[in-house]
Amino acid sequence: MRGRGWGSFWNITKMGSMLLTLEFLCTLQMTELGVAFRMFQQTFILKWRELSNLHGFSPTAATDLDYALEDFDRHRSWQELSRVSFPSTKS
């Protein structure tokens, strides 16, 4: 269906792009109002509702982000995706 989901966000002609994925993941930032990230050397800022709509969720869907992300370990996820250890921030 055209006009809904990520297909209407950006036209990608090649399936999978390591550099594009790395650009997105390395610049992804969560804020109280939504998320900010870079793709194709452009900065995007989306409110939580806009992001939810792009994913195709119902406009009335409610998500408790604190509950949904309570077990998320960004360091472990980075290591699994990149196969490189995340630099330690501990002294």
PDB file of N, CA and C in Angstrom:
ATOM      1  N   MET A   1       0.841  -1.165   0.000  1.00  0.00           N
ATOM      2  CA  MET A   1       0.000   0.000   0.000  1.00  0.00           C
ATOM      3  C   MET A   1       0.894   1.238   0.000  1.00  0.00           C
ATOM      4  N   ARG A   2       0.748   2.069  -0.972  1.00  0.00           N
ATOM      5  CA  ARG A   2       1.560   3.273  -1.107  1.00  0.00           C
ATOM      6  C   ARG A   2       1.071   4.352  -0.150  1.00  0.00           C
ATOM      7  N   GLY A   3       2.010   5.117   0.404  1.00  0.00           N
ATOM      8  CA  GLY A   3       1.637   6.214   1.269  1.00  0.00           C
ATOM      9  C   GLY A   3       1.606   5.856   2.744  1.00  0.00           C
ATOM     10  N   ARG A   4       1.882   4.585   3.087  1.00  0.00           N
ATOM     11  CA  ARG A   4       1.898   4.180   4.491  1.00  0.00           C
ATOM     12  C   ARG A   4       3.208   3.465   4.781  1.00  0.00           C
ATOM     13  N   GLY A   5       3.634   3.540   6.003  1.00  0.00           N
ATOM     14  CA  GLY A   5       4.838   2.810   6.415  1.00  0.00           C
ATOM     15  C   GLY A   5       6.104   3.447   5.891  1.00  0.00           C
ATOM     16  N   TRP A   6       7.226   2.701   6.040  1.00  0.00           N
ATOM     17  CA  TRP A   6       8.542   3.213   5.658  1.00  0.00           C
ATOM     18  C   TRP A   6       8.682   3.395   4.151  1.00  0.00           C
ATOM     19  N   GLY A   7       7.883   2.708   3.344  1.00  0.00           N
ATOM     20  CA  GLY A   7       7.974   2.840   1.894  1.00  0.00           C
ATOM     21  C   GLY A   7       7.722   4.249   1.414  1.00  0.00           C
ATOM     22  N   SER A   8       6.938   5.011   2.148  1.00  0.00           N
ATOM     23  CA  SER A   8       6.674   6.393   1.750  1.00  0.00           C
ATOM     24  C   SER A   8       7.666   7.370   2.381  1.00  0.00           C
ATOM     25  N   PHE A   9       8.518   6.853   3.278  1.00  0.00           N
ATOM     26  CA  PHE A   9       9.496   7.710   3.950  1.00  0.00           C
ATOM     27  C   PHE A   9      10.674   8.012   3.033  1.00  0.00           C
ATOM     28  N   TRP A  10      11.205   6.988   2.371  1.00  0.00           N
ATOM     29  CA  TRP A  10      12.339   7.177   1.476  1.00  0.00           C
ATOM     30  C   TRP A  10      12.349   6.062   0.450  1.00  0.00           C
ATOM     31  N   ASN A  11      12.677   6.371  -0.790  1.00  0.00           N
ATOM     32  CA  ASN A  11      12.728   5.375  -1.851  1.00  0.00           C
ATOM     33  C   ASN A  11      14.111   4.728  -1.864  1.00  0.00           C
ATOM     34  N   ILE A  12      14.175   3.460  -1.467  1.00  0.00           N
ATOM     35  CA  ILE A  12      15.436   2.720  -1.447  1.00  0.00           C
ATOM     36  C   ILE A  12      15.367   1.655  -2.531  1.00  0.00           C
ATOM     37  N   THR A  13      16.288   1.738  -3.496  1.00  0.00           N
ATOM     38  CA  THR A  13      16.236   0.802  -4.612  1.00  0.00           C
ATOM     39  C   THR A  13      17.064  -0.453  -4.380  1.00  0.00           C
ATOM     40  N   LYS A  14      18.024  -0.410  -3.460  1.00  0.00           N
ATOM     41  CA  LYS A  14      18.843  -1.576  -3.151  1.00  0.00           C
ATOM     42  C   LYS A  14      18.459  -2.115  -1.784  1.00  0.00           C
ATOM     43  N   MET A  15      18.308  -3.426  -1.706  1.00  0.00           N
ATOM     44  CA  MET A  15      17.961  -4.037  -0.439  1.00  0.00           C
ATOM     45  C   MET A  15      19.199  -4.110   0.450  1.00  0.00           C
ATOM     46  N   GLY A  16      19.109  -3.530   1.626  1.00  0.00           N
ATOM     47  CA  GLY A  16      20.195  -3.610   2.600  1.00  0.00           C
ATOM     48  C   GLY A  16      21.352  -2.692   2.250  1.00  0.00           C
ATOM     49  N   SER A  17      21.770  -1.953   3.216  1.00  0.00           N
ATOM     50  CA  SER A  17      22.908  -1.072   3.036  1.00  0.00           C
ATOM     51  C   SER A  17      23.610  -0.938   4.374  1.00  0.00           C
ATOM     52  N   MET A  18      24.796  -1.503   4.478  1.00  0.00           N
ATOM     53  CA  MET A  18      25.526  -1.467   5.732  1.00  0.00           C
ATOM     54  C   MET A  18      25.842  -0.033   6.149  1.00  0.00           C
ATOM     55  N   LEU A  19      26.303   0.787   5.219  1.00  0.00           N
ATOM     56  CA  LEU A  19      26.659   2.166   5.563  1.00  0.00           C
ATOM     57  C   LEU A  19      25.443   2.977   5.996  1.00  0.00           C
ATOM     58  N   LEU A  20      24.323   2.776   5.321  1.00  0.00           N
ATOM     59  CA  LEU A  20      23.106   3.484   5.682  1.00  0.00           C
ATOM     60  C   LEU A  20      22.638   3.055   7.072  1.00  0.00           C
ATOM     61  N   THR A  21      22.705   1.761   7.338  1.00  0.00           N
ATOM     62  CA  THR A  21      22.315   1.248   8.657  1.00  0.00           C
ATOM     63  C   THR A  21      23.218   1.806   9.741  1.00  0.00           C
ATOM     64  N   LEU A  22      24.521   1.832   9.491  1.00  0.00           N
ATOM     65  CA  LEU A  22      25.455   2.376  10.471  1.00  0.00           C
ATOM     66  C   LEU A  22      25.225   3.871  10.697  1.00  0.00           C
ATOM     67  N   GLU A  23      24.958   4.607   9.617  1.00  0.00           N
ATOM     68  CA  GLU A  23      24.681   6.037   9.762  1.00  0.00           C
ATOM     69  C   GLU A  23      23.454   6.237  10.646  1.00  0.00           C
ATOM     70  N   PHE A  24      22.411   5.453  10.397  1.00  0.00           N
ATOM     71  CA  PHE A  24      21.188   5.556  11.189  1.00  0.00           C
ATOM     72  C   PHE A  24      21.455   5.205  12.656  1.00  0.00           C
ATOM     73  N   LEU A  25      22.053   4.044  12.893  1.00  0.00           N
ATOM     74  CA  LEU A  25      22.255   3.579  14.266  1.00  0.00           C
ATOM     75  C   LEU A  25      23.221   4.468  15.054  1.00  0.00           C
ATOM     76  N   CYS A  26      24.251   4.970  14.400  1.00  0.00           N
ATOM     77  CA  CYS A  26      25.240   5.803  15.098  1.00  0.00           C
ATOM     78  C   CYS A  26      24.709   7.191  15.435  1.00  0.00           C
ATOM     79  N   THR A  27      23.659   7.616  14.770  1.00  0.00           N
ATOM     80  CA  THR A  27      23.137   8.957  15.015  1.00  0.00           C
ATOM     81  C   THR A  27      21.784   8.947  15.724  1.00  0.00           C
ATOM     82  N   LEU A  28      21.223   7.782  15.956  1.00  0.00           N
ATOM     83  CA  LEU A  28      19.904   7.664  16.580  1.00  0.00           C
ATOM     84  C   LEU A  28      19.935   8.190  18.014  1.00  0.00           C
ATOM     85  N   GLN A  29      19.042   9.120  18.296  1.00  0.00           N
ATOM     86  CA  GLN A  29      18.941   9.704  19.634  1.00  0.00           C
ATOM     87  C   GLN A  29      17.476   9.747  20.039  1.00  0.00           C
ATOM     88  N   MET A  30      17.191   9.294  21.253  1.00  0.00           N
ATOM     89  CA  MET A  30      15.834   9.391  21.793  1.00  0.00           C
ATOM     90  C   MET A  30      15.723  10.682  22.591  1.00  0.00           C
ATOM     91  N   THR A  31      14.598  11.339  22.435  1.00  0.00           N
ATOM     92  CA  THR A  31      14.310  12.536  23.216  1.00  0.00           C
ATOM     93  C   THR A  31      12.957  12.330  23.893  1.00  0.00           C
ATOM     94  N   GLU A  32      12.573  13.258  24.740  1.00  0.00           N
ATOM     95  CA  GLU A  32      11.257  13.145  25.374  1.00  0.00           C
ATOM     96  C   GLU A  32      10.141  13.251  24.337  1.00  0.00           C
ATOM     97  N   LEU A  33      10.378  13.972  23.256  1.00  0.00           N
ATOM     98  CA  LEU A  33       9.350  14.196  22.251  1.00  0.00           C
ATOM     99  C   LEU A  33       9.377  13.188  21.107  1.00  0.00           C
ATOM    100  N   GLY A  34      10.498  12.461  20.936  1.00  0.00           N
ATOM    101  CA  GLY A  34      10.577  11.523  19.825  1.00  0.00           C
ATOM    102  C   GLY A  34      11.988  11.040  19.581  1.00  0.00           C
ATOM    103  N   VAL A  35      12.355  10.941  18.316  1.00  0.00           N
ATOM    104  CA  VAL A  35      13.684  10.472  17.943  1.00  0.00           C
ATOM    105  C   VAL A  35      14.282  11.400  16.895  1.00  0.00           C
ATOM    106  N   ALA A  36      15.612  11.425  16.869  1.00  0.00           N
ATOM    107  CA  ALA A  36      16.354  12.165  15.848  1.00  0.00           C
ATOM    108  C   ALA A  36      17.404  11.208  15.299  1.00  0.00           C
ATOM    109  N   PHE A  37      17.665  11.289  14.006  1.00  0.00           N
ATOM    110  CA  PHE A  37      18.657  10.433  13.370  1.00  0.00           C
ATOM    111  C   PHE A  37      19.037  11.015  12.020  1.00  0.00           C
ATOM    112  N   ARG A  38      20.083  10.461  11.439  1.00  0.00           N
ATOM    113  CA  ARG A  38      20.514  10.877  10.104  1.00  0.00           C
ATOM    114  C   ARG A  38      20.415   9.699   9.143  1.00  0.00           C
ATOM    115  N   MET A  39      19.948   9.978   7.949  1.00  0.00           N
ATOM    116  CA  MET A  39      19.928   9.012   6.848  1.00  0.00           C
ATOM    117  C   MET A  39      20.214   9.791   5.576  1.00  0.00           C
ATOM    118  N   PHE A  40      21.040   9.227   4.716  1.00  0.00           N
ATOM    119  CA  PHE A  40      21.383   9.872   3.444  1.00  0.00           C
ATOM    120  C   PHE A  40      21.920  11.287   3.674  1.00  0.00           C
ATOM    121  N   GLN A  41      22.698  11.446   4.766  1.00  0.00           N
ATOM    122  CA  GLN A  41      23.335  12.716   5.125  1.00  0.00           C
ATOM    123  C   GLN A  41      22.327  13.832   5.391  1.00  0.00           C
ATOM    124  N   GLN A  42      21.115  13.454   5.811  1.00  0.00           N
ATOM    125  CA  GLN A  42      20.089  14.423   6.195  1.00  0.00           C
ATOM    126  C   GLN A  42      19.637  14.097   7.610  1.00  0.00           C
ATOM    127  N   THR A  43      19.333  15.113   8.390  1.00  0.00           N
ATOM    128  CA  THR A  43      18.842  14.921   9.750  1.00  0.00           C
ATOM    129  C   THR A  43      17.323  14.861   9.741  1.00  0.00           C
ATOM    130  N   PHE A  44      16.783  13.879  10.454  1.00  0.00           N
ATOM    131  CA  PHE A  44      15.342  13.714  10.585  1.00  0.00           C
ATOM    132  C   PHE A  44      14.992  13.765  12.070  1.00  0.00           C
ATOM    133  N   ILE A  45      13.907  14.444  12.378  1.00  0.00           N
ATOM    134  CA  ILE A  45      13.396  14.512  13.742  1.00  0.00           C
ATOM    135  C   ILE A  45      11.921  14.128  13.670  1.00  0.00           C
ATOM    136  N   LEU A  46      11.588  13.054  14.364  1.00  0.00           N
ATOM    137  CA  LEU A  46      10.208  12.567  14.352  1.00  0.00           C
ATOM    138  C   LEU A  46       9.652  12.533  15.758  1.00  0.00           C
ATOM    139  N   LYS A  47       8.417  12.988  15.907  1.00  0.00           N
ATOM    140  CA  LYS A  47       7.732  12.848  17.185  1.00  0.00           C
ATOM    141  C   LYS A  47       7.322  11.382  17.323  1.00  0.00           C
ATOM    142  N   TRP A  48       7.094  10.947  18.567  1.00  0.00           N
ATOM    143  CA  TRP A  48       6.740   9.543  18.797  1.00  0.00           C
ATOM    144  C   TRP A  48       5.532   9.127  17.968  1.00  0.00           C
ATOM    145  N   ARG A  49       4.534   9.985  17.850  1.00  0.00           N
ATOM    146  CA  ARG A  49       3.325   9.645  17.083  1.00  0.00           C
ATOM    147  C   ARG A  49       3.667   9.472  15.600  1.00  0.00           C
ATOM    148  N   GLU A  50       4.520  10.323  15.044  1.00  0.00           N
ATOM    149  CA  GLU A  50       4.920  10.195  13.638  1.00  0.00           C
ATOM    150  C   GLU A  50       5.655   8.873  13.410  1.00  0.00           C
ATOM    151  N   LEU A  51       6.539   8.525  14.323  1.00  0.00           N
ATOM    152  CA  LEU A  51       7.273   7.264  14.211  1.00  0.00           C
ATOM    153  C   LEU A  51       6.319   6.079  14.280  1.00  0.00           C
ATOM    154  N   SER A  52       5.376   6.144  15.191  1.00  0.00           N
ATOM    155  CA  SER A  52       4.371   5.092  15.324  1.00  0.00           C
ATOM    156  C   SER A  52       3.562   4.950  14.038  1.00  0.00           C
ATOM    157  N   ASN A  53       3.160   6.074  13.453  1.00  0.00           N
ATOM    158  CA  ASN A  53       2.392   6.042  12.204  1.00  0.00           C
ATOM    159  C   ASN A  53       3.213   5.458  11.056  1.00  0.00           C
ATOM    160  N   LEU A  54       4.520   5.801  10.980  1.00  0.00           N
ATOM    161  CA  LEU A  54       5.377   5.252   9.925  1.00  0.00           C
ATOM    162  C   LEU A  54       5.513   3.742  10.033  1.00  0.00           C
ATOM    163  N   HIS A  55       5.455   3.241  11.252  1.00  0.00           N
ATOM    164  CA  HIS A  55       5.522   1.790  11.459  1.00  0.00           C
ATOM    165  C   HIS A  55       4.192   1.115  11.165  1.00  0.00           C
ATOM    166  N   GLY A  56       3.154   1.905  10.912  1.00  0.00           N
ATOM    167  CA  GLY A  56       1.855   1.343  10.570  1.00  0.00           C
ATOM    168  C   GLY A  56       0.988   0.987  11.760  1.00  0.00           C
ATOM    169  N   PHE A  57       1.357   1.460  12.962  1.00  0.00           N
ATOM    170  CA  PHE A  57       0.535   1.191  14.135  1.00  0.00           C
ATOM    171  C   PHE A  57      -0.722   2.050  14.100  1.00  0.00           C
ATOM    172  N   SER A  58      -1.738   1.577  14.762  1.00  0.00           N
ATOM    173  CA  SER A  58      -2.987   2.312  14.856  1.00  0.00           C
ATOM    174  C   SER A  58      -2.738   3.662  15.531  1.00  0.00           C
ATOM    175  N   PRO A  59      -3.359   4.726  15.034  1.00  0.00           N
ATOM    176  CA  PRO A  59      -3.183   6.042  15.663  1.00  0.00           C
ATOM    177  C   PRO A  59      -3.630   6.074  17.123  1.00  0.00           C
ATOM    178  N   THR A  60      -4.457   5.125  17.535  1.00  0.00           N
ATOM    179  CA  THR A  60      -4.918   5.099  18.927  1.00  0.00           C
ATOM    180  C   THR A  60      -4.072   4.176  19.800  1.00  0.00           C
ATOM    181  N   ALA A  61      -3.038   3.545  19.222  1.00  0.00           N
ATOM    182  CA  ALA A  61      -2.190   2.630  19.996  1.00  0.00           C
ATOM    183  C   ALA A  61      -1.375   3.418  21.017  1.00  0.00           C
ATOM    184  N   ALA A  62      -1.298   2.886  22.211  1.00  0.00           N
ATOM    185  CA  ALA A  62      -0.506   3.517  23.270  1.00  0.00           C
ATOM    186  C   ALA A  62       0.645   2.589  23.625  1.00  0.00           C
ATOM    187  N   THR A  63       1.830   3.162  23.800  1.00  0.00           N
ATOM    188  CA  THR A  63       3.009   2.368  24.145  1.00  0.00           C
ATOM    189  C   THR A  63       3.674   2.961  25.371  1.00  0.00           C
ATOM    190  N   ASP A  64       3.957   2.118  26.328  1.00  0.00           N
ATOM    191  CA  ASP A  64       4.717   2.524  27.500  1.00  0.00           C
ATOM    192  C   ASP A  64       6.184   2.245  27.182  1.00  0.00           C
ATOM    193  N   LEU A  65       6.927   3.268  26.723  1.00  0.00           N
ATOM    194  CA  LEU A  65       8.309   3.075  26.290  1.00  0.00           C
ATOM    195  C   LEU A  65       9.220   2.628  27.418  1.00  0.00           C
ATOM    196  N   ASP A  66       8.995   3.129  28.619  1.00  0.00           N
ATOM    197  CA  ASP A  66       9.821   2.700  29.744  1.00  0.00           C
ATOM    198  C   ASP A  66       9.694   1.195  29.962  1.00  0.00           C
ATOM    199  N   TYR A  67       8.481   0.676  29.858  1.00  0.00           N
ATOM    200  CA  TYR A  67       8.263  -0.761  30.022  1.00  0.00           C
ATOM    201  C   TYR A  67       8.838  -1.524  28.828  1.00  0.00           C
ATOM    202  N   ALA A  68       8.603  -1.033  27.609  1.00  0.00           N
ATOM    203  CA  ALA A  68       9.038  -1.733  26.400  1.00  0.00           C
ATOM    204  C   ALA A  68      10.559  -1.811  26.289  1.00  0.00           C
ATOM    205  N   LEU A  69      11.275  -0.828  26.820  1.00  0.00           N
ATOM    206  CA  LEU A  69      12.727  -0.776  26.684  1.00  0.00           C
ATOM    207  C   LEU A  69      13.487  -1.094  27.963  1.00  0.00           C
ATOM    208  N   GLU A  70      12.795  -1.575  29.002  1.00  0.00           N
ATOM    209  CA  GLU A  70      13.460  -1.760  30.287  1.00  0.00           C
ATOM    210  C   GLU A  70      14.598  -2.776  30.235  1.00  0.00           C
ATOM    211  N   ASP A  71      14.534  -3.773  29.358  1.00  0.00           N
ATOM    212  CA  ASP A  71      15.599  -4.771  29.257  1.00  0.00           C
ATOM    213  C   ASP A  71      16.536  -4.520  28.078  1.00  0.00           C
ATOM    214  N   PHE A  72      16.384  -3.399  27.384  1.00  0.00           N
ATOM    215  CA  PHE A  72      17.211  -3.112  26.221  1.00  0.00           C
ATOM    216  C   PHE A  72      18.628  -2.742  26.658  1.00  0.00           C
ATOM    217  N   ASP A  73      19.601  -3.419  26.109  1.00  0.00           N
ATOM    218  CA  ASP A  73      21.007  -3.158  26.421  1.00  0.00           C
ATOM    219  C   ASP A  73      21.671  -2.677  25.138  1.00  0.00           C
ATOM    220  N   ARG A  74      21.854  -1.360  25.014  1.00  0.00           N
ATOM    221  CA  ARG A  74      22.383  -0.809  23.764  1.00  0.00           C
ATOM    222  C   ARG A  74      23.804  -1.271  23.488  1.00  0.00           C
ATOM    223  N   HIS A  75      24.590  -1.510  24.541  1.00  0.00           N
ATOM    224  CA  HIS A  75      25.962  -1.971  24.346  1.00  0.00           C
ATOM    225  C   HIS A  75      25.979  -3.390  23.757  1.00  0.00           C
ATOM    226  N   ARG A  76      25.150  -4.271  24.308  1.00  0.00           N
ATOM    227  CA  ARG A  76      25.071  -5.639  23.791  1.00  0.00           C
ATOM    228  C   ARG A  76      24.518  -5.643  22.358  1.00  0.00           C
ATOM    229  N   SER A  77      23.505  -4.811  22.105  1.00  0.00           N
ATOM    230  CA  SER A  77      22.925  -4.744  20.755  1.00  0.00           C
ATOM    231  C   SER A  77      23.953  -4.251  19.751  1.00  0.00           C
ATOM    232  N   TRP A  78      24.735  -3.230  20.134  1.00  0.00           N
ATOM    233  CA  TRP A  78      25.788  -2.724  19.243  1.00  0.00           C
ATOM    234  C   TRP A  78      26.789  -3.831  18.929  1.00  0.00           C
ATOM    235  N   GLN A  79      27.194  -4.570  19.948  1.00  0.00           N
ATOM    236  CA  GLN A  79      28.177  -5.635  19.749  1.00  0.00           C
ATOM    237  C   GLN A  79      27.622  -6.721  18.838  1.00  0.00           C
ATOM    238  N   GLU A  80      26.360  -7.077  19.007  1.00  0.00           N
ATOM    239  CA  GLU A  80      25.745  -8.098  18.162  1.00  0.00           C
ATOM    240  C   GLU A  80      25.628  -7.626  16.714  1.00  0.00           C
ATOM    241  N   LEU A  81      25.287  -6.350  16.510  1.00  0.00           N
ATOM    242  CA  LEU A  81      25.139  -5.824  15.151  1.00  0.00           C
ATOM    243  C   LEU A  81      26.478  -5.636  14.451  1.00  0.00           C
ATOM    244  N   SER A  82      27.445  -5.094  15.153  1.00  0.00           N
ATOM    245  CA  SER A  82      28.713  -4.730  14.527  1.00  0.00           C
ATOM    246  C   SER A  82      29.785  -5.782  14.678  1.00  0.00           C
ATOM    247  N   ARG A  83      29.584  -6.708  15.617  1.00  0.00           N
ATOM    248  CA  ARG A  83      30.579  -7.721  15.968  1.00  0.00           C
ATOM    249  C   ARG A  83      31.865  -7.076  16.502  1.00  0.00           C
ATOM    250  N   VAL A  84      31.727  -5.850  17.039  1.00  0.00           N
ATOM    251  CA  VAL A  84      32.824  -5.106  17.625  1.00  0.00           C
ATOM    252  C   VAL A  84      32.405  -4.702  19.035  1.00  0.00           C
ATOM    253  N   SER A  85      33.309  -4.794  19.968  1.00  0.00           N
ATOM    254  CA  SER A  85      32.989  -4.415  21.342  1.00  0.00           C
ATOM    255  C   SER A  85      32.723  -2.910  21.418  1.00  0.00           C
ATOM    256  N   PHE A  86      31.732  -2.560  22.216  1.00  0.00           N
ATOM    257  CA  PHE A  86      31.402  -1.157  22.442  1.00  0.00           C
ATOM    258  C   PHE A  86      32.425  -0.588  23.406  1.00  0.00           C
ATOM    259  N   PRO A  87      33.003   0.577  23.115  1.00  0.00           N
ATOM    260  CA  PRO A  87      33.999   1.144  24.024  1.00  0.00           C
ATOM    261  C   PRO A  87      33.406   1.363  25.412  1.00  0.00           C
ATOM    262  N   SER A  88      34.119   0.973  26.416  1.00  0.00           N
ATOM    263  CA  SER A  88      33.654   1.109  27.789  1.00  0.00           C
ATOM    264  C   SER A  88      33.701   2.579  28.211  1.00  0.00           C
ATOM    265  N   THR A  89      32.661   3.010  28.915  1.00  0.00           N
ATOM    266  CA  THR A  89      32.629   4.385  29.425  1.00  0.00           C
ATOM    267  C   THR A  89      32.994   4.414  30.883  1.00  0.00           C
ATOM    268  N   LYS A  90      33.290   3.253  31.464  1.00  0.00           N
ATOM    269  CA  LYS A  90      33.667   3.185  32.872  1.00  0.00           C
ATOM    270  C   LYS A  90      35.145   3.517  33.032  1.00  0.00           C
ATOM    271  N   SER A  91      35.492   4.163  34.144  1.00  0.00           N
ATOM    272  CA  SER A  91      36.890   4.532  34.411  1.00  0.00           C
ATOM    273  C   SER A  91      37.610   3.399  35.082  1.00  0.00           C
TER     274      SER A  91
END
